[in-house]
PDB file of N, CA and C in Angstrom:
ATOM      1  N   UNK A   1       5.136 -20.810  -7.222  1.00  0.00           N
ATOM      2  CA  UNK A   1       4.014 -20.503  -6.392  1.00  0.00           C
ATOM      3  C   UNK A   1       3.418 -19.148  -6.768  1.00  0.00           C
ATOM      4  N   UNK A   2       4.255 -18.205  -7.086  1.00  0.00           N
ATOM      5  CA  UNK A   2       3.773 -16.877  -7.460  1.00  0.00           C
ATOM      6  C   UNK A   2       2.898 -16.943  -8.703  1.00  0.00           C
ATOM      7  N   UNK A   3       3.188 -17.856  -9.593  1.00  0.00           N
ATOM      8  CA  UNK A   3       2.441 -17.919 -10.850  1.00  0.00           C
ATOM      9  C   UNK A   3       1.165 -18.752 -10.759  1.00  0.00           C
ATOM     10  N   UNK A   4       0.877 -19.353  -9.628  1.00  0.00           N
ATOM     11  CA  UNK A   4      -0.321 -20.181  -9.489  1.00  0.00           C
ATOM     12  C   UNK A   4      -1.583 -19.336  -9.598  1.00  0.00           C
ATOM     13  N   UNK A   5      -2.501 -19.736 -10.476  1.00  0.00           N
ATOM     14  CA  UNK A   5      -3.759 -19.009 -10.633  1.00  0.00           C
ATOM     15  C   UNK A   5      -4.640 -19.168  -9.399  1.00  0.00           C
ATOM     16  N   UNK A   6      -4.438 -20.215  -8.622  1.00  0.00           N
ATOM     17  CA  UNK A   6      -5.209 -20.412  -7.392  1.00  0.00           C
ATOM     18  C   UNK A   6      -4.874 -19.369  -6.334  1.00  0.00           C
ATOM     19  N   UNK A   7      -3.730 -18.717  -6.470  1.00  0.00           N
ATOM     20  CA  UNK A   7      -3.292 -17.731  -5.485  1.00  0.00           C
ATOM     21  C   UNK A   7      -3.473 -16.298  -5.971  1.00  0.00           C
ATOM     22  N   UNK A   8      -4.147 -16.119  -7.101  1.00  0.00           N
ATOM     23  CA  UNK A   8      -4.381 -14.777  -7.632  1.00  0.00           C
ATOM     24  C   UNK A   8      -5.107 -13.924  -6.600  1.00  0.00           C
ATOM     25  N   UNK A   9      -4.539 -12.789  -6.277  1.00  0.00           N
ATOM     26  CA  UNK A   9      -5.139 -11.882  -5.306  1.00  0.00           C
ATOM     27  C   UNK A   9      -4.777 -12.160  -3.864  1.00  0.00           C
ATOM     28  N   UNK A  10      -4.102 -13.255  -3.582  1.00  0.00           N
ATOM     29  CA  UNK A  10      -3.712 -13.584  -2.208  1.00  0.00           C
ATOM     30  C   UNK A  10      -2.480 -12.766  -1.840  1.00  0.00           C
ATOM     31  N   UNK A  11      -2.480 -12.132  -0.670  1.00  0.00           N
ATOM     32  CA  UNK A  11      -1.327 -11.318  -0.271  1.00  0.00           C
ATOM     33  C   UNK A  11      -0.034 -12.138  -0.223  1.00  0.00           C
ATOM     34  N   UNK A  12       1.061 -11.477  -0.538  1.00  0.00           N
ATOM     35  CA  UNK A  12       2.372 -12.124  -0.528  1.00  0.00           C
ATOM     36  C   UNK A  12       3.244 -11.418   0.497  1.00  0.00           C
ATOM     37  N   UNK A  13       3.622 -12.139   1.530  1.00  0.00           N
ATOM     38  CA  UNK A  13       4.507 -11.610   2.569  1.00  0.00           C
ATOM     39  C   UNK A  13       5.817 -12.369   2.510  1.00  0.00           C
ATOM     40  N   UNK A  14       6.897 -11.640   2.283  1.00  0.00           N
ATOM     41  CA  UNK A  14       8.234 -12.221   2.259  1.00  0.00           C
ATOM     42  C   UNK A  14       8.947 -11.754   3.517  1.00  0.00           C
ATOM     43  N   UNK A  15       9.357 -12.700   4.333  1.00  0.00           N
ATOM     44  CA  UNK A  15      10.082 -12.375   5.563  1.00  0.00           C
ATOM     45  C   UNK A  15      11.575 -12.548   5.305  1.00  0.00           C
ATOM     46  N   UNK A  16      12.293 -11.450   5.323  1.00  0.00           N
ATOM     47  CA  UNK A  16      13.744 -11.487   5.125  1.00  0.00           C
ATOM     48  C   UNK A  16      14.378 -11.765   6.488  1.00  0.00           C
ATOM     49  N   UNK A  17      14.542 -13.048   6.778  1.00  0.00           N
ATOM     50  CA  UNK A  17      15.049 -13.487   8.075  1.00  0.00           C
ATOM     51  C   UNK A  17      16.560 -13.237   8.185  1.00  0.00           C
ATOM     52  N   UNK A  18      17.060 -13.475   9.350  1.00  0.00           N
ATOM     53  CA  UNK A  18      18.497 -13.369   9.668  1.00  0.00           C
ATOM     54  C   UNK A  18      18.983 -11.924   9.726  1.00  0.00           C
ATOM     55  N   UNK A  19      18.078 -10.986   9.971  1.00  0.00           N
ATOM     56  CA  UNK A  19      18.483  -9.588  10.023  1.00  0.00           C
ATOM     57  C   UNK A  19      19.374  -9.289  11.225  1.00  0.00           C
ATOM     58  N   UNK A  20      19.507 -10.262  12.135  1.00  0.00           N
ATOM     59  CA  UNK A  20      20.424 -10.115  13.267  1.00  0.00           C
ATOM     60  C   UNK A  20      21.854 -10.505  12.886  1.00  0.00           C
ATOM     61  N   UNK A  21      22.045 -11.025  11.679  1.00  0.00           N
ATOM     62  CA  UNK A  21      23.365 -11.430  11.194  1.00  0.00           C
ATOM     63  C   UNK A  21      23.945 -10.278  10.366  1.00  0.00           C
ATOM     64  N   UNK A  22      25.145  -9.829  10.704  1.00  0.00           N
ATOM     65  CA  UNK A  22      25.699  -8.627  10.063  1.00  0.00           C
ATOM     66  C   UNK A  22      25.756  -8.641   8.536  1.00  0.00           C
ATOM     67  N   UNK A  23      26.128  -9.743   7.910  1.00  0.00           N
ATOM     68  CA  UNK A  23      26.326  -9.753   6.452  1.00  0.00           C
ATOM     69  C   UNK A  23      25.179 -10.403   5.677  1.00  0.00           C
ATOM     70  N   UNK A  24      23.981 -10.470   6.263  1.00  0.00           N
ATOM     71  CA  UNK A  24      22.861 -11.085   5.545  1.00  0.00           C
ATOM     72  C   UNK A  24      22.295 -10.108   4.517  1.00  0.00           C
ATOM     73  N   UNK A  25      21.530 -10.645   3.578  1.00  0.00           N
ATOM     74  CA  UNK A  25      20.850  -9.799   2.601  1.00  0.00           C
ATOM     75  C   UNK A  25      19.799  -8.968   3.315  1.00  0.00           C
ATOM     76  N   UNK A  26      19.775  -7.706   3.051  1.00  0.00           N
ATOM     77  CA  UNK A  26      18.759  -6.841   3.620  1.00  0.00           C
ATOM     78  C   UNK A  26      17.572  -6.719   2.683  1.00  0.00           C
ATOM     79  N   UNK A  27      16.566  -6.005   3.126  1.00  0.00           N
ATOM     80  CA  UNK A  27      15.363  -5.806   2.325  1.00  0.00           C
ATOM     81  C   UNK A  27      15.716  -5.149   0.991  1.00  0.00           C
ATOM     82  N   UNK A  28      16.669  -4.237   1.002  1.00  0.00           N
ATOM     83  CA  UNK A  28      17.066  -3.560  -0.242  1.00  0.00           C
ATOM     84  C   UNK A  28      17.634  -4.530  -1.282  1.00  0.00           C
ATOM     85  N   UNK A  29      18.230  -5.618  -0.827  1.00  0.00           N
ATOM     86  CA  UNK A  29      18.749  -6.624  -1.762  1.00  0.00           C
ATOM     87  C   UNK A  29      17.687  -7.644  -2.145  1.00  0.00           C
ATOM     88  N   UNK A  30      16.726  -7.877  -1.274  1.00  0.00           N
ATOM     89  CA  UNK A  30      15.693  -8.885  -1.531  1.00  0.00           C
ATOM     90  C   UNK A  30      14.608  -8.346  -2.467  1.00  0.00           C
ATOM     91  N   UNK A  31      14.199  -7.112  -2.275  1.00  0.00           N
ATOM     92  CA  UNK A  31      13.104  -6.538  -3.076  1.00  0.00           C
ATOM     93  C   UNK A  31      13.328  -6.649  -4.585  1.00  0.00           C
ATOM     94  N   UNK A  32      14.515  -6.325  -5.100  1.00  0.00           N
ATOM     95  CA  UNK A  32      14.709  -6.418  -6.554  1.00  0.00           C
ATOM     96  C   UNK A  32      14.491  -7.825  -7.108  1.00  0.00           C
ATOM     97  N   UNK A  33      14.723  -8.832  -6.304  1.00  0.00           N
ATOM     98  CA  UNK A  33      14.497 -10.212  -6.754  1.00  0.00           C
ATOM     99  C   UNK A  33      13.013 -10.406  -7.069  1.00  0.00           C
ATOM    100  N   UNK A  34      12.150  -9.862  -6.222  1.00  0.00           N
ATOM    101  CA  UNK A  34      10.716  -9.995  -6.447  1.00  0.00           C
ATOM    102  C   UNK A  34      10.206  -8.995  -7.477  1.00  0.00           C
ATOM    103  N   UNK A  35      10.911  -7.893  -7.669  1.00  0.00           N
ATOM    104  CA  UNK A  35      10.526  -6.948  -8.717  1.00  0.00           C
ATOM    105  C   UNK A  35      10.603  -7.605 -10.084  1.00  0.00           C
ATOM    106  N   UNK A  36      11.511  -8.565 -10.245  1.00  0.00           N
ATOM    107  CA  UNK A  36      11.635  -9.286 -11.510  1.00  0.00           C
ATOM    108  C   UNK A  36      10.389 -10.119 -11.804  1.00  0.00           C
ATOM    109  N   UNK A  37       9.628 -10.456 -10.749  1.00  0.00           N
ATOM    110  CA  UNK A  37       8.413 -11.254 -10.911  1.00  0.00           C
ATOM    111  C   UNK A  37       7.155 -10.396 -10.789  1.00  0.00           C
ATOM    112  N   UNK A  38       7.289  -9.094 -10.983  1.00  0.00           N
ATOM    113  CA  UNK A  38       6.158  -8.171 -10.797  1.00  0.00           C
ATOM    114  C   UNK A  38       4.966  -8.541 -11.667  1.00  0.00           C
ATOM    115  N   UNK A  39       5.205  -9.008 -12.882  1.00  0.00           N
ATOM    116  CA  UNK A  39       4.086  -9.381 -13.752  1.00  0.00           C
ATOM    117  C   UNK A  39       3.324 -10.588 -13.213  1.00  0.00           C
ATOM    118  N   UNK A  40       4.006 -11.475 -12.485  1.00  0.00           N
ATOM    119  CA  UNK A  40       3.344 -12.636 -11.877  1.00  0.00           C
ATOM    120  C   UNK A  40       2.641 -12.265 -10.569  1.00  0.00           C
ATOM    121  N   UNK A  41       3.223 -11.339  -9.840  1.00  0.00           N
ATOM    122  CA  UNK A  41       2.628 -10.895  -8.574  1.00  0.00           C
ATOM    123  C   UNK A  41       1.361 -10.103  -8.855  1.00  0.00           C
ATOM    124  N   UNK A  42       1.385  -9.338  -9.925  1.00  0.00           N
ATOM    125  CA  UNK A  42       0.207  -8.576 -10.320  1.00  0.00           C
ATOM    126  C   UNK A  42      -0.145  -7.484  -9.323  1.00  0.00           C
ATOM    127  N   UNK A  43      -1.448  -7.349  -9.071  1.00  0.00           N
ATOM    128  CA  UNK A  43      -1.930  -6.265  -8.221  1.00  0.00           C
ATOM    129  C   UNK A  43      -2.130  -6.695  -6.777  1.00  0.00           C
ATOM    130  N   UNK A  44      -1.702  -7.897  -6.438  1.00  0.00           N
ATOM    131  CA  UNK A  44      -1.893  -8.349  -5.059  1.00  0.00           C
ATOM    132  C   UNK A  44      -1.010  -7.564  -4.095  1.00  0.00           C
ATOM    133  N   UNK A  45      -1.455  -7.505  -2.831  1.00  0.00           N
ATOM    134  CA  UNK A  45      -0.635  -6.872  -1.805  1.00  0.00           C
ATOM    135  C   UNK A  45       0.657  -7.657  -1.658  1.00  0.00           C
ATOM    136  N   UNK A  46       1.766  -6.950  -1.582  1.00  0.00           N
ATOM    137  CA  UNK A  46       3.068  -7.603  -1.473  1.00  0.00           C
ATOM    138  C   UNK A  46       3.947  -6.783  -0.533  1.00  0.00           C
ATOM    139  N   UNK A  47       4.616  -7.481   0.386  1.00  0.00           N
ATOM    140  CA  UNK A  47       5.473  -6.798   1.358  1.00  0.00           C
ATOM    141  C   UNK A  47       6.708  -7.658   1.634  1.00  0.00           C
ATOM    142  N   UNK A  48       7.850  -7.009   1.669  1.00  0.00           N
ATOM    143  CA  UNK A  48       9.091  -7.649   2.112  1.00  0.00           C
ATOM    144  C   UNK A  48       9.433  -7.005   3.440  1.00  0.00           C
ATOM    145  N   UNK A  49       9.517  -7.820   4.486  1.00  0.00           N
ATOM    146  CA  UNK A  49       9.773  -7.281   5.818  1.00  0.00           C
ATOM    147  C   UNK A  49      11.040  -7.881   6.411  1.00  0.00           C
ATOM    148  N   UNK A  50      11.857  -7.041   7.037  1.00  0.00           N
ATOM    149  CA  UNK A  50      13.044  -7.552   7.731  1.00  0.00           C
ATOM    150  C   UNK A  50      12.634  -8.176   9.064  1.00  0.00           C
ATOM    151  N   UNK A  51      13.111  -9.389   9.321  1.00  0.00           N
ATOM    152  CA  UNK A  51      12.804 -10.056  10.585  1.00  0.00           C
ATOM    153  C   UNK A  51      14.031 -10.785  11.118  1.00  0.00           C
ATOM    154  N   UNK A  52      13.952 -11.095  12.393  1.00  0.00           N
ATOM    155  CA  UNK A  52      14.931 -11.976  13.016  1.00  0.00           C
ATOM    156  C   UNK A  52      14.142 -13.002  13.826  1.00  0.00           C
ATOM    157  N   UNK A  53      14.140 -14.225  13.371  1.00  0.00           N
ATOM    158  CA  UNK A  53      13.443 -15.269  14.118  1.00  0.00           C
ATOM    159  C   UNK A  53      14.113 -15.492  15.473  1.00  0.00           C
ATOM    160  N   UNK A  54      15.404 -15.240  15.536  1.00  0.00           N
ATOM    161  CA  UNK A  54      16.139 -15.423  16.782  1.00  0.00           C
ATOM    162  C   UNK A  54      15.686 -14.432  17.853  1.00  0.00           C
ATOM    163  N   UNK A  55      15.547 -13.170  17.472  1.00  0.00           N
ATOM    164  CA  UNK A  55      15.150 -12.151  18.444  1.00  0.00           C
ATOM    165  C   UNK A  55      13.646 -11.865  18.416  1.00  0.00           C
ATOM    166  N   UNK A  56      12.987 -12.263  17.335  1.00  0.00           N
ATOM    167  CA  UNK A  56      11.558 -12.002  17.184  1.00  0.00           C
ATOM    168  C   UNK A  56      11.263 -10.656  16.550  1.00  0.00           C
ATOM    169  N   UNK A  57      12.282  -9.881  16.263  1.00  0.00           N
ATOM    170  CA  UNK A  57      12.087  -8.555  15.676  1.00  0.00           C
ATOM    171  C   UNK A  57      11.399  -8.664  14.318  1.00  0.00           C
ATOM    172  N   UNK A  58      10.329  -7.906  14.142  1.00  0.00           N
ATOM    173  CA  UNK A  58       9.625  -7.839  12.868  1.00  0.00           C
ATOM    174  C   UNK A  58       8.585  -8.916  12.637  1.00  0.00           C
ATOM    175  N   UNK A  59       8.614  -9.985  13.409  1.00  0.00           N
ATOM    176  CA  UNK A  59       7.689 -11.103  13.175  1.00  0.00           C
ATOM    177  C   UNK A  59       6.243 -10.673  13.427  1.00  0.00           C
ATOM    178  N   UNK A  60       5.995 -10.039  14.554  1.00  0.00           N
ATOM    179  CA  UNK A  60       4.627  -9.618  14.875  1.00  0.00           C
ATOM    180  C   UNK A  60       4.104  -8.611  13.850  1.00  0.00           C
ATOM    181  N   UNK A  61       4.948  -7.693  13.419  1.00  0.00           N
ATOM    182  CA  UNK A  61       4.540  -6.714  12.425  1.00  0.00           C
ATOM    183  C   UNK A  61       4.166  -7.397  11.111  1.00  0.00           C
ATOM    184  N   UNK A  62       4.913  -8.417  10.731  1.00  0.00           N
ATOM    185  CA  UNK A  62       4.611  -9.159   9.510  1.00  0.00           C
ATOM    186  C   UNK A  62       3.271  -9.873   9.598  1.00  0.00           C
ATOM    187  N   UNK A  63       3.021 -10.495  10.731  1.00  0.00           N
ATOM    188  CA  UNK A  63       1.747 -11.186  10.932  1.00  0.00           C
ATOM    189  C   UNK A  63       0.601 -10.181  10.941  1.00  0.00           C
ATOM    190  N   UNK A  64       0.782  -9.052  11.602  1.00  0.00           N
ATOM    191  CA  UNK A  64      -0.250  -8.013  11.625  1.00  0.00           C
ATOM    192  C   UNK A  64      -0.572  -7.526  10.217  1.00  0.00           C
ATOM    193  N   UNK A  65       0.452  -7.304   9.411  1.00  0.00           N
ATOM    194  CA  UNK A  65       0.249  -6.857   8.031  1.00  0.00           C
ATOM    195  C   UNK A  65      -0.566  -7.884   7.262  1.00  0.00           C
ATOM    196  N   UNK A  66      -0.205  -9.150   7.396  1.00  0.00           N
ATOM    197  CA  UNK A  66      -0.897 -10.215   6.683  1.00  0.00           C
ATOM    198  C   UNK A  66      -2.357 -10.320   7.110  1.00  0.00           C
ATOM    199  N   UNK A  67      -2.617 -10.232   8.403  1.00  0.00           N
ATOM    200  CA  UNK A  67      -3.992 -10.291   8.914  1.00  0.00           C
ATOM    201  C   UNK A  67      -4.819  -9.137   8.331  1.00  0.00           C
ATOM    202  N   UNK A  68      -4.257  -7.936   8.314  1.00  0.00           N
ATOM    203  CA  UNK A  68      -4.983  -6.784   7.769  1.00  0.00           C
ATOM    204  C   UNK A  68      -5.281  -6.967   6.289  1.00  0.00           C
ATOM    205  N   UNK A  69      -4.335  -7.517   5.539  1.00  0.00           N
ATOM    206  CA  UNK A  69      -4.564  -7.776   4.110  1.00  0.00           C
ATOM    207  C   UNK A  69      -5.670  -8.803   3.917  1.00  0.00           C
ATOM    208  N   UNK A  70      -5.674  -9.837   4.721  1.00  0.00           N
ATOM    209  CA  UNK A  70      -6.696 -10.877   4.609  1.00  0.00           C
ATOM    210  C   UNK A  70      -8.072 -10.294   4.924  1.00  0.00           C
ATOM    211  N   UNK A  71      -8.159  -9.482   5.957  1.00  0.00           N
ATOM    212  CA  UNK A  71      -9.430  -8.832   6.285  1.00  0.00           C
ATOM    213  C   UNK A  71      -9.924  -7.979   5.118  1.00  0.00           C
ATOM    214  N   UNK A  72      -9.019  -7.210   4.549  1.00  0.00           N
ATOM    215  CA  UNK A  72      -9.375  -6.326   3.437  1.00  0.00           C
ATOM    216  C   UNK A  72      -9.784  -7.129   2.207  1.00  0.00           C
ATOM    217  N   UNK A  73      -9.130  -8.251   1.972  1.00  0.00           N
ATOM    218  CA  UNK A  73      -9.381  -9.055   0.773  1.00  0.00           C
ATOM    219  C   UNK A  73     -10.622  -9.931   0.865  1.00  0.00           C
ATOM    220  N   UNK A  74     -11.134 -10.183   2.055  1.00  0.00           N
ATOM    221  CA  UNK A  74     -12.262 -11.110   2.164  1.00  0.00           C
ATOM    222  C   UNK A  74     -13.491 -10.603   1.426  1.00  0.00           C
ATOM    223  N   UNK A  75     -13.587  -9.295   1.240  1.00  0.00           N
ATOM    224  CA  UNK A  75     -14.718  -8.740   0.500  1.00  0.00           C
ATOM    225  C   UNK A  75     -14.574  -8.961  -1.002  1.00  0.00           C
ATOM    226  N   UNK A  76     -13.361  -8.858  -1.505  1.00  0.00           N
ATOM    227  CA  UNK A  76     -13.153  -8.972  -2.950  1.00  0.00           C
ATOM    228  C   UNK A  76     -12.732 -10.368  -3.386  1.00  0.00           C
ATOM    229  N   UNK A  77     -12.319 -11.202  -2.448  1.00  0.00           N
ATOM    230  CA  UNK A  77     -11.874 -12.550  -2.793  1.00  0.00           C
ATOM    231  C   UNK A  77     -12.413 -13.538  -1.770  1.00  0.00           C
ATOM    232  N   UNK A  78     -13.725 -13.835  -1.842  1.00  0.00           N
ATOM    233  CA  UNK A  78     -14.279 -14.785  -0.893  1.00  0.00           C
ATOM    234  C   UNK A  78     -13.734 -16.188  -1.120  1.00  0.00           C
ATOM    235  N   UNK A  79     -13.738 -17.019  -0.085  1.00  0.00           N
ATOM    236  CA  UNK A  79     -13.245 -18.396  -0.247  1.00  0.00           C
ATOM    237  C   UNK A  79     -14.103 -19.144  -1.268  1.00  0.00           C
ATOM    238  N   UNK A  80     -13.490 -20.070  -1.970  1.00  0.00           N
ATOM    239  CA  UNK A  80     -14.249 -20.895  -2.904  1.00  0.00           C
ATOM    240  C   UNK A  80     -13.902 -22.355  -2.661  1.00  0.00           C
ATOM    241  N   UNK A  81     -14.838 -23.202  -2.997  1.00  0.00           N
ATOM    242  CA  UNK A  81     -14.650 -24.629  -2.863  1.00  0.00           C
ATOM    243  C   UNK A  81     -14.171 -25.155  -4.199  1.00  0.00           C
ATOM    244  N   UNK A  82     -12.932 -25.602  -4.286  1.00  0.00           N
ATOM    245  CA  UNK A  82     -12.349 -26.047  -5.547  1.00  0.00           C
ATOM    246  C   UNK A  82     -13.002 -27.321  -6.072  1.00  0.00           C
ATOM    247  N   UNK A  83     -13.714 -28.046  -5.207  1.00  0.00           N
ATOM    248  CA  UNK A  83     -14.423 -29.245  -5.659  1.00  0.00           C
ATOM    249  C   UNK A  83     -15.615 -28.870  -6.528  1.00  0.00           C
ATOM    250  N   UNK A  84     -16.134 -27.657  -6.357  1.00  0.00           N
ATOM    251  CA  UNK A  84     -17.293 -27.200  -7.126  1.00  0.00           C
ATOM    252  C   UNK A  84     -16.923 -26.590  -8.457  1.00  0.00           C
ATOM    253  N   UNK A  85     -15.635 -26.359  -8.687  1.00  0.00           N
ATOM    254  CA  UNK A  85     -15.233 -25.697  -9.930  1.00  0.00           C
ATOM    255  C   UNK A  85     -14.959 -26.663 -11.027  1.00  0.00           C
TER     256      UNK A  85
END
């Protein structure tokens, strides 16, 4: 999915769930996995956020970040109709 040309410039939000579980992977362990794909991610906005779906911690912040990125990107990446291409 990261390498899809249709998603070029689209923000990438990675939610590191299960942060309420003591031995889960934290953001520090997850980020390096995506650093390996930095050339595919390119210059798009990218964020790894710790969340707990069970408690709701971090979920709203992740959604807020994504909304702000979409607002910012609408000027430089307007929607296109793929049927016209």
